[in-house]
Amino acid sequence: MYSVLFSDEAKKLFAKLGKEDQGRIISALERCRIRPAHFLKRLVGSPYYSLRAGDQRIIIELKTEEGMLLVMTIEHRKKSYKHLPK
């Protein structure tokens, strides 16, 4: 099972969301911890993956050697792919 860590930016964005969206994101991450390859979608031309949680998109860096999912950012689906972390 993978562990989940949030970047500083992701923590701030998560705190700004409503309780319903936060719950949806937590449950999506819990499912993803068990079998990340089943739930994550690789982003073209980027080392990151995307996870869908309602209208929110969670951009994740998958570190298989460490067994870690690093949440880079959380944004609405309209904005998330335009502002990928560097």
N, C-alpha and C. Protein backbone atom coordinates (compact mmCIF):
# COMPACT_ATOMS: atom_id res chain seq x y z
N MET A 1 0.84 -1.17 0.00
CA MET A 1 0.00 0.00 0.00
C MET A 1 0.89 1.25 0.00
N TYR A 2 0.51 2.23 -0.81
CA TYR A 2 1.27 3.47 -0.94
C TYR A 2 0.89 4.46 0.15
N SER A 3 1.83 5.31 0.51
CA SER A 3 1.52 6.40 1.44
C SER A 3 1.23 7.66 0.62
N VAL A 4 0.49 8.58 1.20
CA VAL A 4 0.09 9.80 0.50
C VAL A 4 0.68 10.99 1.24
N LEU A 5 1.38 11.84 0.49
CA LEU A 5 1.93 13.08 1.04
C LEU A 5 1.42 14.25 0.21
N PHE A 6 1.16 15.38 0.85
CA PHE A 6 0.71 16.59 0.17
C PHE A 6 1.84 17.60 0.10
N SER A 7 2.00 18.26 -1.05
CA SER A 7 2.94 19.38 -1.14
C SER A 7 2.33 20.56 -0.40
N ASP A 8 3.12 21.59 -0.15
CA ASP A 8 2.61 22.77 0.56
C ASP A 8 1.47 23.42 -0.23
N GLU A 9 1.63 23.50 -1.55
CA GLU A 9 0.60 24.10 -2.39
C GLU A 9 -0.70 23.28 -2.32
N ALA A 10 -0.57 21.96 -2.37
CA ALA A 10 -1.75 21.09 -2.31
C ALA A 10 -2.47 21.21 -0.97
N LYS A 11 -1.72 21.37 0.12
CA LYS A 11 -2.34 21.55 1.43
C LYS A 11 -3.19 22.81 1.47
N LYS A 12 -2.66 23.91 0.92
CA LYS A 12 -3.39 25.17 0.90
C LYS A 12 -4.66 25.06 0.05
N LEU A 13 -4.53 24.45 -1.12
CA LEU A 13 -5.68 24.30 -2.01
C LEU A 13 -6.74 23.38 -1.41
N PHE A 14 -6.30 22.33 -0.74
CA PHE A 14 -7.22 21.40 -0.09
C PHE A 14 -8.02 22.09 1.01
N ALA A 15 -7.35 22.94 1.78
CA ALA A 15 -8.00 23.64 2.89
C ALA A 15 -9.07 24.62 2.40
N LYS A 16 -8.91 25.15 1.20
CA LYS A 16 -9.87 26.11 0.65
C LYS A 16 -11.14 25.45 0.12
N LEU A 17 -11.11 24.14 -0.12
CA LEU A 17 -12.26 23.45 -0.68
C LEU A 17 -13.34 23.23 0.36
N GLY A 18 -14.56 22.99 -0.12
CA GLY A 18 -15.68 22.70 0.77
C GLY A 18 -15.55 21.30 1.35
N LYS A 19 -16.31 21.03 2.39
CA LYS A 19 -16.25 19.73 3.07
C LYS A 19 -16.61 18.58 2.13
N GLU A 20 -17.58 18.80 1.25
CA GLU A 20 -18.00 17.74 0.32
C GLU A 20 -16.86 17.38 -0.64
N ASP A 21 -16.20 18.40 -1.19
CA ASP A 21 -15.08 18.15 -2.10
C ASP A 21 -13.91 17.50 -1.36
N GLN A 22 -13.65 17.95 -0.14
CA GLN A 22 -12.57 17.36 0.65
C GLN A 22 -12.82 15.88 0.89
N GLY A 23 -14.04 15.53 1.24
CA GLY A 23 -14.38 14.13 1.47
C GLY A 23 -14.22 13.30 0.21
N ARG A 24 -14.63 13.86 -0.92
CA ARG A 24 -14.50 13.16 -2.20
C ARG A 24 -13.03 12.92 -2.55
N ILE A 25 -12.19 13.91 -2.28
CA ILE A 25 -10.75 13.79 -2.57
C ILE A 25 -10.11 12.74 -1.66
N ILE A 26 -10.45 12.76 -0.38
CA ILE A 26 -9.89 11.79 0.56
C ILE A 26 -10.28 10.37 0.16
N SER A 27 -11.54 10.17 -0.22
CA SER A 27 -11.96 8.82 -0.59
C SER A 27 -11.29 8.37 -1.89
N ALA A 28 -11.09 9.29 -2.85
CA ALA A 28 -10.39 8.94 -4.09
C ALA A 28 -8.94 8.56 -3.81
N LEU A 29 -8.29 9.29 -2.91
CA LEU A 29 -6.89 8.98 -2.57
C LEU A 29 -6.80 7.65 -1.82
N GLU A 30 -7.76 7.35 -0.98
CA GLU A 30 -7.76 6.07 -0.25
C GLU A 30 -7.88 4.90 -1.23
N ARG A 31 -8.75 5.03 -2.22
CA ARG A 31 -8.87 3.97 -3.23
C ARG A 31 -7.58 3.84 -4.03
N CYS A 32 -6.97 4.97 -4.34
CA CYS A 32 -5.76 4.98 -5.17
C CYS A 32 -4.56 4.40 -4.44
N ARG A 33 -4.53 4.49 -3.12
CA ARG A 33 -3.40 3.97 -2.34
C ARG A 33 -3.18 2.48 -2.54
N ILE A 34 -4.25 1.75 -2.77
CA ILE A 34 -4.16 0.30 -2.88
C ILE A 34 -3.64 -0.12 -4.24
N ARG A 35 -4.25 0.42 -5.31
CA ARG A 35 -3.85 0.07 -6.68
C ARG A 35 -3.74 1.33 -7.53
N PRO A 36 -2.65 2.07 -7.42
CA PRO A 36 -2.55 3.34 -8.14
C PRO A 36 -2.63 3.20 -9.66
N ALA A 37 -2.09 2.14 -10.21
CA ALA A 37 -2.10 1.98 -11.67
C ALA A 37 -3.52 1.87 -12.22
N HIS A 38 -4.43 1.41 -11.41
CA HIS A 38 -5.81 1.24 -11.84
C HIS A 38 -6.56 2.58 -11.91
N PHE A 39 -6.21 3.53 -11.05
CA PHE A 39 -6.96 4.78 -10.94
C PHE A 39 -6.27 5.99 -11.57
N LEU A 40 -4.95 5.97 -11.67
CA LEU A 40 -4.23 7.13 -12.17
C LEU A 40 -4.15 7.14 -13.69
N LYS A 41 -4.20 8.34 -14.24
CA LYS A 41 -4.09 8.52 -15.69
C LYS A 41 -2.82 9.32 -15.96
N ARG A 42 -1.94 8.79 -16.78
CA ARG A 42 -0.66 9.45 -17.10
C ARG A 42 -0.93 10.67 -17.96
N LEU A 43 -0.30 11.80 -17.62
CA LEU A 43 -0.45 13.02 -18.39
C LEU A 43 0.59 13.04 -19.51
N VAL A 44 0.16 13.32 -20.72
CA VAL A 44 1.02 13.31 -21.89
C VAL A 44 2.08 14.41 -21.77
N GLY A 45 3.34 14.04 -21.99
CA GLY A 45 4.43 15.00 -21.96
C GLY A 45 4.77 15.51 -20.58
N SER A 46 4.39 14.78 -19.56
CA SER A 46 4.62 15.21 -18.18
C SER A 46 4.93 13.99 -17.32
N PRO A 47 5.71 14.17 -16.27
CA PRO A 47 5.99 13.04 -15.37
C PRO A 47 4.87 12.79 -14.36
N TYR A 48 3.80 13.56 -14.44
CA TYR A 48 2.73 13.49 -13.45
C TYR A 48 1.55 12.65 -13.91
N TYR A 49 0.70 12.33 -12.95
CA TYR A 49 -0.52 11.57 -13.19
C TYR A 49 -1.70 12.38 -12.70
N SER A 50 -2.88 12.06 -13.20
CA SER A 50 -4.10 12.74 -12.80
C SER A 50 -5.05 11.75 -12.15
N LEU A 51 -5.73 12.20 -11.12
CA LEU A 51 -6.74 11.41 -10.44
C LEU A 51 -8.01 12.24 -10.39
N ARG A 52 -9.11 11.68 -10.81
CA ARG A 52 -10.38 12.38 -10.85
C ARG A 52 -11.13 12.22 -9.53
N ALA A 53 -11.64 13.34 -9.01
CA ALA A 53 -12.47 13.32 -7.81
C ALA A 53 -13.60 14.32 -8.03
N GLY A 54 -14.67 13.89 -8.68
CA GLY A 54 -15.75 14.80 -9.03
C GLY A 54 -15.27 15.77 -10.09
N ASP A 55 -15.47 17.07 -9.86
CA ASP A 55 -14.99 18.09 -10.79
C ASP A 55 -13.56 18.50 -10.50
N GLN A 56 -12.99 18.00 -9.44
CA GLN A 56 -11.61 18.32 -9.07
C GLN A 56 -10.65 17.32 -9.71
N ARG A 57 -9.47 17.80 -10.04
CA ARG A 57 -8.42 16.92 -10.53
C ARG A 57 -7.23 17.02 -9.56
N ILE A 58 -6.71 15.87 -9.21
CA ILE A 58 -5.58 15.78 -8.29
C ILE A 58 -4.37 15.41 -9.14
N ILE A 59 -3.38 16.28 -9.19
CA ILE A 59 -2.17 16.01 -9.95
C ILE A 59 -1.17 15.38 -8.98
N ILE A 60 -0.69 14.17 -9.36
CA ILE A 60 0.12 13.35 -8.46
C ILE A 60 1.42 12.97 -9.12
N GLU A 61 2.48 12.97 -8.33
CA GLU A 61 3.76 12.40 -8.75
C GLU A 61 3.86 11.03 -8.08
N LEU A 62 3.99 10.00 -8.88
CA LEU A 62 4.04 8.63 -8.38
C LEU A 62 5.50 8.23 -8.16
N LYS A 63 5.84 7.91 -6.93
CA LYS A 63 7.20 7.48 -6.59
C LYS A 63 7.11 6.01 -6.17
N THR A 64 7.30 5.13 -7.15
CA THR A 64 7.12 3.70 -6.89
C THR A 64 8.21 3.13 -6.00
N GLU A 65 9.44 3.63 -6.12
CA GLU A 65 10.53 3.10 -5.30
C GLU A 65 10.29 3.33 -3.81
N GLU A 66 9.75 4.52 -3.49
CA GLU A 66 9.47 4.85 -2.09
C GLU A 66 8.08 4.41 -1.66
N GLY A 67 7.25 3.96 -2.60
CA GLY A 67 5.88 3.59 -2.28
C GLY A 67 5.07 4.79 -1.84
N MET A 68 5.18 5.89 -2.62
CA MET A 68 4.59 7.14 -2.20
C MET A 68 3.81 7.80 -3.34
N LEU A 69 2.67 8.39 -3.00
CA LEU A 69 1.92 9.25 -3.90
C LEU A 69 2.08 10.67 -3.39
N LEU A 70 2.73 11.54 -4.17
CA LEU A 70 2.94 12.92 -3.76
C LEU A 70 1.92 13.79 -4.48
N VAL A 71 0.98 14.35 -3.74
CA VAL A 71 -0.06 15.21 -4.30
C VAL A 71 0.56 16.58 -4.55
N MET A 72 0.65 16.95 -5.83
CA MET A 72 1.28 18.21 -6.21
C MET A 72 0.31 19.38 -6.16
N THR A 73 -0.88 19.19 -6.72
CA THR A 73 -1.88 20.26 -6.74
C THR A 73 -3.27 19.66 -6.87
N ILE A 74 -4.26 20.45 -6.47
CA ILE A 74 -5.67 20.06 -6.57
C ILE A 74 -6.40 21.27 -7.15
N GLU A 75 -7.03 21.09 -8.30
CA GLU A 75 -7.73 22.20 -8.93
C GLU A 75 -8.97 21.70 -9.67
N HIS A 76 -9.83 22.64 -10.01
CA HIS A 76 -11.00 22.32 -10.83
C HIS A 76 -10.51 21.83 -12.19
N ARG A 77 -11.27 20.96 -12.80
CA ARG A 77 -10.84 20.33 -14.04
C ARG A 77 -10.56 21.31 -15.16
N LYS A 78 -11.20 22.48 -15.16
CA LYS A 78 -10.95 23.46 -16.22
C LYS A 78 -9.57 24.11 -16.10
N LYS A 79 -9.04 24.20 -14.89
CA LYS A 79 -7.77 24.87 -14.66
C LYS A 79 -6.59 23.93 -14.50
N SER A 80 -6.84 22.71 -14.09
CA SER A 80 -5.77 21.84 -13.59
C SER A 80 -4.69 21.52 -14.62
N TYR A 81 -5.04 21.37 -15.86
CA TYR A 81 -4.04 20.95 -16.85
C TYR A 81 -3.25 22.14 -17.41
N LYS A 82 -3.75 23.36 -17.20
CA LYS A 82 -3.06 24.55 -17.70
C LYS A 82 -1.92 24.96 -16.79
N HIS A 83 -2.02 24.62 -15.52
CA HIS A 83 -1.05 25.07 -14.52
C HIS A 83 -0.35 23.89 -13.86
N LEU A 84 0.23 23.03 -14.65
CA LEU A 84 0.94 21.88 -14.08
C LEU A 84 2.17 22.34 -13.31
N PRO A 85 2.45 21.72 -12.19
CA PRO A 85 3.64 22.10 -11.41
C PRO A 85 4.91 21.81 -12.20
N LYS A 86 5.92 22.59 -11.93
CA LYS A 86 7.20 22.43 -12.63
C LYS A 86 8.09 21.50 -11.86
